[in-house]
Protein backbone atom coordinates (compact mmCIF):
# COMPACT_ATOMS: atom_id res chain seq x y z
CA MET A 1 27.79 9.51 -8.71
CA ILE A 2 25.60 8.83 -5.68
CA ARG A 3 21.83 9.14 -5.44
CA LYS A 4 20.02 12.01 -3.69
CA LYS A 5 18.48 11.52 -0.24
CA LEU A 6 15.32 9.44 -0.47
CA THR A 7 12.59 10.14 2.08
CA PRO A 8 12.94 12.30 5.30
CA ARG A 9 12.48 10.47 8.57
CA GLN A 10 9.60 12.73 9.60
CA LYS A 11 7.63 11.55 6.55
CA MET A 12 8.03 7.90 7.52
CA ILE A 13 7.06 8.07 11.21
CA ASN A 14 3.32 7.75 10.36
CA LEU A 15 4.06 4.28 8.94
CA MET A 16 4.55 3.02 12.45
CA TYR A 17 1.60 2.59 14.73
CA VAL A 18 0.93 0.01 17.40
CA VAL A 19 -2.26 -0.78 19.21
CA LEU A 20 -1.70 0.54 22.68
CA MET A 21 -3.69 -1.23 25.36
CA ALA A 22 -3.58 -1.00 29.08
CA MET A 23 -4.63 -4.63 29.63
CA LEU A 24 -4.07 -7.30 32.20
CA ALA A 25 -6.52 -9.65 30.46
CA LEU A 26 -6.54 -13.40 30.98
CA ASN A 27 -7.42 -13.94 27.37
CA VAL A 28 -7.05 -11.77 24.23
CA SER A 29 -9.45 -12.17 21.27
CA SER A 30 -8.17 -13.76 18.09
CA ASP A 31 -9.14 -10.60 16.14
CA VAL A 32 -6.86 -8.42 18.33
CA LEU A 33 -4.02 -10.96 18.08
CA GLU A 34 -4.41 -11.06 14.30
CA GLY A 35 -4.36 -7.25 14.37
CA PHE A 36 -0.96 -7.31 16.03
CA LYS A 37 0.23 -9.66 13.27
CA ARG A 38 -0.95 -7.29 10.55
CA VAL A 39 0.71 -4.33 12.24
CA ASP A 40 3.92 -6.36 12.66
CA ASP A 41 3.89 -7.27 8.97
CA THR A 42 3.52 -3.57 8.02
CA LEU A 43 6.38 -2.61 10.34
CA ILE A 44 8.59 -5.36 8.96
CA ARG A 45 8.01 -4.08 5.37
CA SER A 46 8.81 -0.48 6.47
CA ARG A 47 11.89 -1.72 8.39
CA ASP A 48 13.24 -3.76 5.47
CA ASN A 49 12.61 -0.90 3.04
CA ALA A 50 14.59 1.45 5.27
CA ALA A 51 17.36 -1.14 5.59
CA ALA A 52 17.57 -1.45 1.81
CA GLN A 53 17.81 2.33 1.38
CA ASN A 54 20.52 2.45 4.07
CA LYS A 55 22.45 -0.30 2.35
CA ALA A 56 22.38 1.69 -0.88
CA ILE A 57 23.87 4.70 0.91
CA TYR A 58 26.59 2.50 2.50
CA ASP A 59 27.40 1.15 -0.95
CA ASP A 60 27.60 4.70 -2.33
CA LEU A 61 29.86 5.74 0.52
CA GLU A 62 32.09 2.73 -0.17
CA ALA A 63 32.41 3.71 -3.79
CA ALA A 64 33.07 7.33 -2.89
CA MET A 65 35.75 6.24 -0.46
CA LYS A 66 37.60 4.35 -3.20
CA GLN A 67 37.33 7.32 -5.60
CA ASN A 68 38.29 10.09 -3.19
CA PRO A 69 39.47 8.79 0.20
CA GLU A 70 40.89 12.14 1.30
CA LYS A 71 37.51 13.85 0.93
CA THR A 72 35.40 10.96 2.19
CA ARG A 73 37.33 9.21 4.95
CA GLN A 74 36.05 11.27 7.91
CA TRP A 75 32.38 10.77 6.99
CA TYR A 76 32.92 7.15 5.90
CA GLU A 77 34.34 6.23 9.31
CA LYS A 78 31.43 7.93 11.10
CA ALA A 79 29.08 5.98 8.89
CA GLN A 80 30.70 2.70 9.92
CA GLN A 81 30.31 3.75 13.58
CA VAL A 82 26.63 4.42 12.98
CA ARG A 83 26.29 1.00 11.30
CA ARG A 84 27.83 -0.82 14.29
CA MET A 85 25.67 1.06 16.79
CA SER A 86 22.47 0.42 14.78
CA ASP A 87 23.21 -3.26 14.11
CA SER A 88 23.92 -3.85 17.83
CA LEU A 89 20.57 -2.47 19.07
CA TYR A 90 18.68 -4.04 16.09
CA GLN A 91 20.14 -7.47 16.91
CA MET A 92 19.40 -7.07 20.60
CA ALA A 93 15.74 -6.51 19.75
CA GLU A 94 15.76 -9.51 17.38
CA ASN A 95 17.26 -11.78 20.09
CA LEU A 96 14.65 -10.64 22.56
CA LYS A 97 11.86 -11.48 20.13
CA TRP A 98 13.22 -15.01 19.76
CA GLN A 99 13.64 -15.42 23.58
CA ILE A 100 10.00 -14.35 24.15
CA VAL A 101 8.63 -16.63 21.42
CA ARG A 102 10.71 -19.60 22.65
CA GLU A 103 9.55 -18.91 26.24
CA ALA A 104 5.93 -19.19 24.91
CA ASP A 105 6.31 -22.01 22.33
CA GLY A 106 9.37 -23.97 23.42
CA LYS A 107 12.76 -24.56 21.79
CA ASP A 108 11.17 -25.40 18.38
CA ALA A 109 9.38 -22.04 18.27
CA ASP A 110 9.05 -20.19 14.96
CA ILE A 111 8.85 -16.44 15.18
CA ASN A 112 6.95 -16.35 11.88
CA ASP A 113 4.34 -18.79 13.17
CA ILE A 114 3.75 -18.05 16.88
CA LYS A 115 1.46 -20.56 18.58
CA GLY A 116 1.19 -18.81 21.97
CA LYS A 117 0.33 -15.36 20.68
CA ASP A 118 -1.97 -14.75 23.68
CA ASN A 119 0.59 -15.96 26.29
CA LEU A 120 0.75 -13.30 29.00
CA GLU A 121 3.63 -14.76 30.98
CA ALA A 122 6.41 -15.21 28.44
CA THR A 123 7.10 -11.52 27.88
CA THR A 124 6.96 -10.72 31.61
CA HIS A 125 9.44 -13.53 32.39
CA VAL A 126 11.98 -12.60 29.68
CA MET A 127 11.83 -8.86 30.25
CA LEU A 128 11.00 -8.47 33.91
CA ALA A 129 12.07 -11.61 35.80
CA PRO A 130 14.06 -10.61 38.94
CA GLY A 131 17.80 -10.81 38.32
CA VAL A 132 17.57 -12.01 34.69
CA GLY A 133 14.96 -9.71 33.08
CA GLN A 134 16.22 -8.01 29.94
CA GLY A 135 13.94 -4.94 30.08
CA GLY A 136 16.38 -2.75 31.98
CA LYS A 137 19.27 -3.68 29.65
CA LEU A 138 17.10 -2.85 26.61
CA LYS A 139 16.19 0.56 28.06
CA LYS A 140 19.84 1.43 28.61
CA ALA A 141 20.75 0.24 25.12
CA ILE A 142 18.00 2.37 23.55
CA GLU A 143 19.08 5.45 25.53
CA SER A 144 22.73 4.92 24.69
CA TYR A 145 21.98 4.53 20.99
CA ARG A 146 19.54 7.47 20.92
CA ASP A 147 21.98 9.81 22.67
CA GLY A 148 24.86 8.70 20.41
CA ILE A 149 22.86 9.31 17.22
CA VAL A 150 21.43 12.66 18.38
CA ALA A 151 24.95 13.87 19.33
CA MET A 152 26.00 13.39 15.71
CA ILE A 153 23.05 15.23 14.14
CA ASN A 154 23.02 19.02 13.62
CA ASP A 155 19.39 19.61 12.61
CA GLU A 156 17.20 20.27 15.64
CA GLN A 157 14.04 18.98 13.97
CA GLN A 158 15.71 15.68 13.18
CA LYS A 159 17.01 15.44 16.69
CA ALA A 160 13.49 15.94 18.07
CA LEU A 161 12.05 13.25 15.81
CA ILE A 162 14.72 10.68 16.81
CA ARG A 163 14.25 11.48 20.53
CA SER A 164 10.51 11.03 20.11
CA SER A 165 10.76 7.67 18.17
CA LEU A 166 13.32 6.26 20.63
CA THR A 167 11.88 7.75 23.85
CA THR A 168 12.00 5.80 27.10
CA GLU A 169 9.88 8.34 28.95
CA VAL A 170 7.18 6.81 31.17
CA PRO A 171 3.68 8.46 31.00
CA ASN A 172 2.57 10.28 34.13
CA LYS A 173 -0.17 7.73 34.87
CA ALA A 174 2.33 4.85 34.81
CA LYS A 175 4.70 6.88 37.05
CA MET A 176 1.91 7.38 39.54
CA GLN A 177 1.42 3.61 39.59
CA GLY A 178 5.13 3.20 40.45
CA LYS A 179 6.04 1.59 37.13
CA ASN A 180 9.34 1.98 35.37
CA TRP A 181 9.76 1.95 31.57
CA GLN A 182 10.20 -1.78 31.20
CA GLU A 183 7.17 -2.55 33.34
CA TYR A 184 5.07 -0.02 31.42
CA MET A 185 6.10 -1.54 28.12
CA PHE A 186 6.25 -5.27 28.80
CA GLU A 187 4.30 -6.22 31.98
CA ASN A 188 1.53 -8.71 31.31
CA ILE A 189 1.20 -8.14 27.57
CA PRO A 190 0.61 -10.95 25.00
CA VAL A 191 3.52 -12.32 23.02
CA ALA A 192 2.06 -10.92 19.81
CA SER A 193 2.16 -7.39 21.22
CA ALA A 194 5.70 -7.76 22.53
CA VAL A 195 7.00 -8.96 19.18
CA THR A 196 5.27 -6.07 17.42
CA GLN A 197 6.77 -3.52 19.81
CA LEU A 198 10.26 -4.89 19.28
CA THR A 199 9.75 -4.85 15.51
CA GLN A 200 8.72 -1.18 15.84
CA LEU A 201 11.97 -0.54 17.70
CA GLN A 202 13.93 -2.16 14.88
CA ASP A 203 12.06 0.03 12.42
CA ASN A 204 12.89 3.15 14.45
CA VAL A 205 16.52 2.15 14.53
CA ARG A 206 16.75 1.75 10.76
CA HIS A 207 15.09 5.12 10.20
CA ALA A 208 17.31 6.87 12.73
CA GLU A 209 20.31 5.27 11.05
CA GLY A 210 19.03 6.59 7.74
CA GLU A 211 18.63 10.13 9.05
CA MET A 212 22.25 10.03 10.22
CA LEU A 213 23.45 8.64 6.90
CA HIS A 214 21.69 11.34 4.94
CA GLN A 215 23.46 14.00 6.97
CA LEU A 216 26.83 12.36 6.42
CA VAL A 217 26.17 12.12 2.72
CA ALA A 218 25.14 15.78 2.54
CA ASN A 219 28.47 16.74 4.24
CA ILE A 220 30.56 15.26 1.42
CA ASP A 221 28.20 15.87 -1.50
CA VAL A 222 28.30 12.25 -2.50
CA LYS A 223 24.68 12.60 -3.68
CA ASP A 224 25.51 15.43 -6.09
CA VAL A 225 22.98 15.09 -8.89
CA ARG A 226 24.19 17.82 -11.17
CA VAL A 227 25.38 15.38 -13.87
CA ASN A 228 23.08 12.40 -14.39
CA GLN A 229 21.70 11.21 -11.02
CA ILE A 230 18.28 12.90 -11.16
CA ASN A 231 15.53 10.64 -9.79
CA ALA A 232 11.87 10.89 -8.94
CA TYR A 233 10.58 10.24 -5.43
CA VAL A 234 7.17 9.90 -3.79
CA ILE A 235 7.00 10.93 -0.11
CA PRO A 236 3.71 9.71 1.44
CA ASN A 237 2.37 11.01 4.74
CA SER A 238 1.59 7.37 5.45
CA GLN A 239 1.71 4.13 3.46
CA THR A 240 -1.23 2.73 5.47
CA VAL A 241 -4.61 4.48 5.31
CA VAL A 242 -7.88 3.68 7.06
CA ARG A 243 -10.75 3.18 4.63
CA GLY A 244 -12.52 6.51 4.29
CA GLY A 245 -9.34 8.40 5.11
CA LYS A 246 -7.12 10.37 2.74
CA PHE A 247 -3.88 9.18 1.13
CA SER A 248 -1.53 12.11 0.78
CA ALA A 249 1.92 12.11 -0.85
CA GLN A 250 4.52 14.59 -2.00
CA ILE A 251 5.92 13.83 -5.48
CA ILE A 252 9.26 15.47 -6.19
CA MET A 253 12.38 15.20 -8.37
CA ALA A 254 15.69 15.35 -6.59
CA ALA A 255 17.80 18.45 -7.29
CA VAL A 256 14.88 20.44 -8.60
CA ASP A 257 15.85 23.64 -10.44
CA THR A 258 14.12 26.54 -8.76
CA THR A 259 13.72 28.27 -12.12
CA GLN A 260 11.49 25.49 -13.46
CA ARG A 261 9.12 22.89 -12.05
CA PRO A 262 8.78 19.35 -13.40
CA GLU A 263 5.50 18.18 -14.99
CA ILE A 264 4.02 15.39 -12.93
CA TYR A 265 1.95 12.65 -14.48
CA VAL A 266 -0.06 10.18 -12.33
CA GLY A 267 -0.70 7.37 -14.76
CA ASN A 268 -0.93 9.39 -17.97
CA THR A 269 -2.83 12.33 -16.41
CA LEU A 270 -1.04 15.59 -15.67
CA LEU A 271 -1.19 16.51 -12.03
CA LYS A 272 -2.51 20.06 -11.65
CA SER A 273 -0.67 21.02 -8.47
CA SER A 274 1.85 23.83 -8.04
CA ASN A 275 3.60 22.08 -5.14
CA GLY A 276 3.50 18.46 -6.36
CA ARG A 277 1.00 17.24 -3.72
CA TYR A 278 -1.30 14.37 -4.75
CA GLU A 279 -4.37 13.37 -2.72
CA THR A 280 -7.14 10.90 -3.27
CA ILE A 281 -10.00 9.54 -1.11
CA CYS A 282 -9.54 5.81 -0.31
CA SER A 283 -12.94 4.12 -0.60
CA SER A 284 -11.83 0.50 -0.62
CA THR A 285 -9.34 -1.63 1.24
CA GLY A 286 -6.28 -3.42 -0.20
CA ASP A 287 -2.80 -2.85 -1.53
CA PHE A 288 -2.37 -0.09 -4.13
CA THR A 289 0.49 1.55 -6.00
CA LEU A 290 0.79 5.15 -7.02
CA LYS A 291 2.62 5.19 -10.37
CA GLY A 292 3.61 7.86 -12.84
CA TYR A 293 6.51 9.85 -14.11
CA LEU A 294 8.12 13.34 -14.01
CA VAL A 295 9.21 15.32 -17.04
CA MET A 296 11.54 18.31 -17.09
CA LYS A 297 14.37 19.80 -19.13
CA ASN A 298 18.08 19.87 -18.14
CA GLY A 299 20.49 22.73 -18.68
CA ASN A 300 21.11 21.61 -22.27
CA GLY A 301 17.43 21.71 -23.05
CA GLU A 302 17.11 17.90 -23.19
CA THR A 303 13.96 16.32 -21.80
CA ILE A 304 14.49 14.15 -18.74
CA ARG A 305 11.85 11.64 -17.73
CA ARG A 306 11.94 9.74 -14.48
CA GLU A 307 9.48 7.03 -13.36
CA PHE A 308 8.10 6.79 -9.82
CA SER A 309 6.21 4.06 -7.99
CA GLN A 310 4.94 4.11 -4.41
CA PRO A 311 2.96 1.28 -2.75
CA TYR A 312 0.47 1.99 0.00
CA THR A 313 -2.14 0.03 1.92
CA VAL A 314 -5.74 0.89 2.82
CA VAL A 315 -7.07 -0.93 5.86
CA GLU A 316 -10.42 -1.25 7.56
CA PRO A 317 -11.09 1.14 10.52
CA SER A 318 -9.89 -0.57 13.66
CA ALA A 319 -10.06 0.07 17.39
CA THR A 320 -9.40 -1.80 20.64
CA VAL A 321 -11.61 -1.94 23.70
CA SER A 322 -10.33 -3.91 26.65
CA ALA A 323 -11.34 -4.53 30.22
CA THR A 324 -8.15 -3.49 31.99
CA MET A 325 -8.57 -5.82 35.02
CA MET A 326 -10.36 -8.87 33.59
CA ASN A 327 -11.48 -10.65 30.42
CA MET A 328 -15.17 -10.03 30.99
CA LEU A 329 -17.41 -7.58 32.80
CA TYR A 330 -19.22 -7.96 36.12
CA ALA A 331 -22.74 -6.70 36.76
CA GLY A 332 -23.11 -3.91 39.29
CA TYR A 333 -19.36 -3.42 39.49
CA GLN A 334 -17.22 -0.47 38.25
CA ASN A 335 -15.22 -2.27 35.56
CA PRO A 336 -12.19 -0.32 34.30
CA ILE A 337 -12.23 -0.09 30.50
CA SER A 338 -9.59 1.30 28.12
CA VAL A 339 -10.06 2.19 24.46
CA SER A 340 -7.52 3.09 21.75
CA VAL A 341 -7.44 3.58 17.98
CA PRO A 342 -4.12 3.35 16.17
CA GLY A 343 -2.96 6.80 15.09
CA VAL A 344 -5.82 8.69 16.77
CA PRO A 345 -5.33 10.73 20.01
CA SER A 346 -7.61 9.79 22.94
CA ASN A 347 -9.41 13.18 22.86
CA LYS A 348 -10.76 12.37 19.35
CA ILE A 349 -12.09 8.95 20.34
CA GLY A 350 -15.66 8.36 21.44
CA LEU A 351 -17.13 5.37 23.26
CA SER A 352 -20.75 4.34 23.93
CA MET A 353 -22.20 1.32 25.70
CA THR A 354 -25.43 -0.73 25.71
CA ASN A 355 -27.15 -2.32 28.75
CA GLY A 356 -25.30 -0.28 31.37
CA SER A 357 -23.71 3.04 32.28
CA LEU A 358 -20.33 4.46 31.15
CA THR A 359 -18.22 7.11 32.89
CA LYS A 360 -15.20 8.68 31.16
CA LYS A 361 -11.99 9.04 33.23
CA ASP A 362 -8.64 10.29 31.91
CA GLY A 363 -7.26 9.66 28.45
CA GLY A 364 -8.81 6.56 26.91
CA ASN A 365 -9.94 5.14 30.28
CA TYR A 366 -13.58 4.58 31.29
CA VAL A 367 -15.61 2.88 34.02
CA ALA A 368 -18.40 0.58 32.78
CA VAL A 369 -21.23 -0.69 35.03
CA PRO A 370 -23.30 -3.36 33.33
CA SER A 371 -26.90 -3.43 34.52
CA LYS A 372 -27.80 -7.11 34.46
CA VAL A 373 -26.12 -10.50 34.85
CA GLY A 374 -26.18 -12.58 31.64
CA GLU A 375 -27.05 -9.68 29.36
CA ASP A 376 -24.15 -8.91 27.03
CA VAL A 377 -22.95 -5.33 26.64
CA THR A 378 -21.67 -3.81 23.37
CA PHE A 379 -19.22 -0.96 23.11
CA THR A 380 -19.17 1.19 19.97
CA VAL A 381 -15.98 3.14 19.20
CA THR A 382 -15.98 6.28 17.04
CA ALA A 383 -13.08 8.49 15.98
CA GLU A 384 -12.73 11.84 14.33
CA ASN A 385 -11.39 11.20 10.82
CA GLU A 386 -10.93 13.99 8.26
CA GLY A 387 -13.22 16.26 10.30
CA ARG A 388 -16.04 13.74 10.67
CA GLN A 389 -17.01 11.01 13.11
CA GLN A 390 -16.36 7.49 11.84
CA GLU A 391 -17.31 4.21 13.51
CA MET A 392 -14.18 2.22 14.19
CA GLY A 393 -15.64 -1.03 15.57
CA LYS A 394 -18.04 -2.73 17.97
CA PHE A 395 -16.94 -4.93 20.82
CA THR A 396 -19.18 -7.30 22.83
CA PHE A 397 -18.45 -8.51 26.36
CA HIS A 398 -20.25 -11.14 28.44
CA VAL A 399 -21.62 -10.06 31.83
CA ARG A 400 -21.52 -12.29 34.87
CA LYS A 401 -22.05 -12.05 38.56
CA LEU A 402 -19.04 -11.25 40.74
CA PRO A 403 -17.48 -14.51 41.93
CA ASP A 404 -17.71 -15.45 45.61
CA PRO A 405 -15.09 -13.83 47.81
CA THR A 406 -12.92 -15.63 50.37
CA GLY A 407 -13.41 -15.24 54.09
CA TYR A 408 -10.44 -14.17 56.21
CA LEU A 409 -9.25 -12.78 59.53
CA GLN A 410 -7.16 -9.62 59.23
CA TYR A 411 -4.47 -8.82 61.76
CA THR A 412 -1.17 -6.92 61.93
CA ASP A 413 1.96 -9.10 61.91
CA ALA A 414 5.18 -8.45 63.84
CA ASN A 415 6.47 -6.17 61.07
CA GLY A 416 3.38 -3.98 61.16
CA ASN A 417 1.94 -5.38 57.90
CA ALA A 418 -1.76 -6.04 57.49
CA THR A 419 -2.17 -9.74 56.91
CA ARG A 420 -5.23 -11.70 55.62
CA PHE A 421 -5.37 -15.13 57.28
CA LYS A 422 -7.51 -17.61 55.34
CA GLY A 423 -7.07 -20.79 57.40
CA GLY A 424 -4.51 -22.94 59.20
CA ARG A 425 -2.49 -22.39 62.34
CA ILE A 426 -2.55 -19.00 64.09
CA SER A 427 -2.05 -17.66 67.54
CA LYS A 428 -5.06 -17.07 69.83
CA GLN A 429 -3.95 -13.48 70.31
CA ALA A 430 -4.01 -12.83 66.55
CA VAL A 431 -7.56 -14.30 66.27
CA ILE A 432 -8.84 -12.10 69.07
CA ALA A 433 -7.00 -9.05 67.69
CA ALA A 434 -8.69 -9.54 64.33
CA GLY A 435 -11.98 -8.75 66.07
CA GLY A 436 -14.11 -10.45 63.41
CA VAL A 437 -14.36 -11.71 59.86
CA GLY A 438 -13.67 -10.01 56.50
CA ALA A 439 -14.26 -11.16 52.94
CA ALA A 440 -12.80 -10.16 49.56
CA ILE A 441 -11.92 -11.32 46.11
CA ASP A 442 -8.18 -11.08 46.07
CA ASP A 443 -7.00 -13.58 43.46
CA GLY A 444 -4.12 -11.49 42.09
CA LEU A 445 -6.28 -10.08 39.31
CA LEU A 446 -9.11 -8.56 41.31
CA ASP A 447 -9.13 -7.00 44.82
CA ILE A 448 -12.76 -6.32 45.65
CA ALA A 449 -13.94 -6.01 49.26
CA PHE A 450 -17.26 -7.45 50.39
CA ARG A 451 -19.27 -6.39 53.47
CA VAL A 452 -19.77 -9.17 56.03
CA VAL A 453 -23.26 -9.09 57.55
CA GLY A 454 -23.03 -12.26 59.62
CA PHE A 455 -21.33 -15.57 60.22
CA GLU A 456 -21.31 -18.69 62.36
CA THR A 457 -18.55 -20.26 64.46
CA ILE A 458 -18.54 -24.01 65.28
CA PHE A 459 -16.70 -25.10 68.43
CA VAL A 460 -16.35 -28.68 69.69
CA ASP A 461 -17.06 -29.17 73.46
CA ASN A 462 -15.49 -31.74 75.75
CA MET A 463 -18.13 -34.28 74.80
CA GLY A 464 -17.33 -33.98 71.13
CA ASN A 465 -20.47 -32.04 70.32
CA ALA A 466 -20.46 -29.22 67.72
CA VAL A 467 -21.61 -25.98 69.38
CA PRO A 468 -22.56 -23.21 66.96
CA GLU A 469 -22.38 -19.49 67.82
CA VAL A 470 -23.99 -16.98 65.47
CA SER A 471 -22.88 -13.36 64.87
CA ASN A 472 -25.17 -11.01 62.94
CA SER A 473 -22.38 -8.64 62.05
CA ALA A 474 -18.76 -8.81 60.93
CA SER A 475 -17.51 -8.86 64.60
CA PHE A 476 -17.09 -11.68 67.05
CA THR A 477 -19.81 -11.73 69.74
CA PRO A 478 -18.75 -11.75 73.43
CA ASN A 479 -19.69 -15.47 73.62
CA GLN A 480 -17.49 -16.20 70.59
CA VAL A 481 -14.58 -14.28 72.14
CA THR A 482 -14.98 -16.20 75.43
CA LYS A 483 -14.94 -19.56 73.63
CA ILE A 484 -11.88 -18.51 71.60
CA ARG A 485 -10.04 -17.52 74.78
CA SER A 486 -10.81 -20.95 76.29
CA LEU A 487 -9.22 -22.87 73.40
CA THR A 488 -5.87 -24.55 74.13
CA ARG A 489 -3.05 -25.16 71.64
CA GLY A 490 -3.95 -27.59 68.92
CA LYS A 491 -7.68 -27.01 69.23
CA LEU A 492 -9.60 -25.90 66.22
CA PHE A 493 -12.84 -24.18 65.27
CA ASN A 494 -14.54 -23.26 62.08
CA ILE A 495 -15.98 -19.98 60.78
CA SER A 496 -18.76 -20.88 58.35
CA ARG A 497 -21.92 -19.62 56.71
CA ILE A 498 -20.33 -16.25 56.15
CA ARG A 499 -22.97 -13.92 54.75
CA VAL A 500 -21.66 -11.10 52.56
CA VAL A 501 -22.89 -8.27 50.34
CA GLY A 502 -20.75 -7.24 47.37
CA PRO A 503 -20.51 -4.03 45.28
CA ASP A 504 -23.31 -5.41 43.12
CA GLY A 505 -25.68 -5.37 46.10
CA ILE A 506 -26.25 -9.15 46.03
CA GLU A 507 -26.21 -11.00 49.39
CA ARG A 508 -24.71 -14.45 49.37
CA THR A 509 -23.62 -17.10 51.86
CA LEU A 510 -20.10 -18.46 51.38
CA THR A 511 -19.85 -22.26 51.20
CA SER A 512 -16.16 -22.54 52.08
CA PRO A 513 -15.46 -22.30 55.86
CA VAL A 514 -12.30 -20.84 57.40
CA GLU A 515 -10.70 -23.54 59.53
CA ILE A 516 -8.59 -22.19 62.38
CA ILE A 517 -6.13 -24.22 64.51
CA ILE A 518 -4.80 -22.51 67.65
CA ASN A 519 -1.02 -22.42 67.53
């Protein structure tokens, strides 16, 4: 005979959590990268356990097919279809993990020993590179698989769980930023995070596959336990628990007789629970195993005893605080900050800050304004856990002065696009049309405008003498405009000593001039 259904998909979803960060950081701390590795290891264990359970069901179906092909064939063939679909998406995710790791570490890369965990370019190249990026293909594959599995399932709750675990929906905030699913998932994230997300996808696939197999098995009664296939099972809410949290599990015997309940022993102690629920407060971290046995009588009055064993892990409280635009904070500037705690919704997360002011925005997003250059700031994250506030971690960032901006002339090109000219050849008309000088930090990571309060132009007269002209604003003076108009093709002049004031209120004089050659 064939064994009874093991654990429902909805009881396994809590195994899977991934640190969600909205981060375009230049560097990621080693603690966060190690956190991704720990989460990936947990997901791999969950994935492999689900795969082993699925294999047992396939083996049972194979045996049932040999014993009674007439009764089993329809469901056996559907099971093989599910296996092909699941293996295809699983292998696609596995191939993408290897591509990303090889992009970061080279052809000798080892996915189990990633060197470039903090590489922010490898994932973007593999998943989003124009023409060859795999992100769009992965999205279509997930949607095709999800829709195919859901179409086979009758139970609406199971359908909803599978749609949720394999969703490709883009959050509203990402939609407002013009991002599609693949950009939201894979743009500028470290290799460690990308590998963890793809492992989570593999885990979701194996659990969705298992939900489908359980339904097929139920349709043909191949797990009929009325003779001798009674087994004990432990169904935990989660196999990973934060220290101070509660481990909760449902302990049942398959094919329970409604006229009698089994006696449940944890260790050698009888569990005094009418519904078989076991709970204990987890006060220390590490790997633990819930062991015991069930005792009940069968129809002949004989005593049946079944052992059970369920591993679970207790981890330290963890959280992530990241500066979403940079890898450090800038004094006097409104630095975007995001905070997340695995498994905790943003409305139950608190954040405080030293040596500056903090303003909450939407979700887990904040704006932090450090008060002083060189004075580190520390963020403290708290989360509501079992009805009480628990500290989840402290994060320290260095504070520095905003870097110097770059001076430029802004004009509108022939296509109507605003263009920042930072030196070189340009037409006289474009220079005059610019009307003056601007300055900003626009290095691809930051785009921060500075206010120009003055600058100097250096022209060379016919005798070879340098003739300075000073403006005490951002605009060209009439004398400067006159001299610019008098320049002929090939002549040059410099804009130097540009004085600017940034968002931090600090006035500075830029050392790099803007050299202009009349085209």
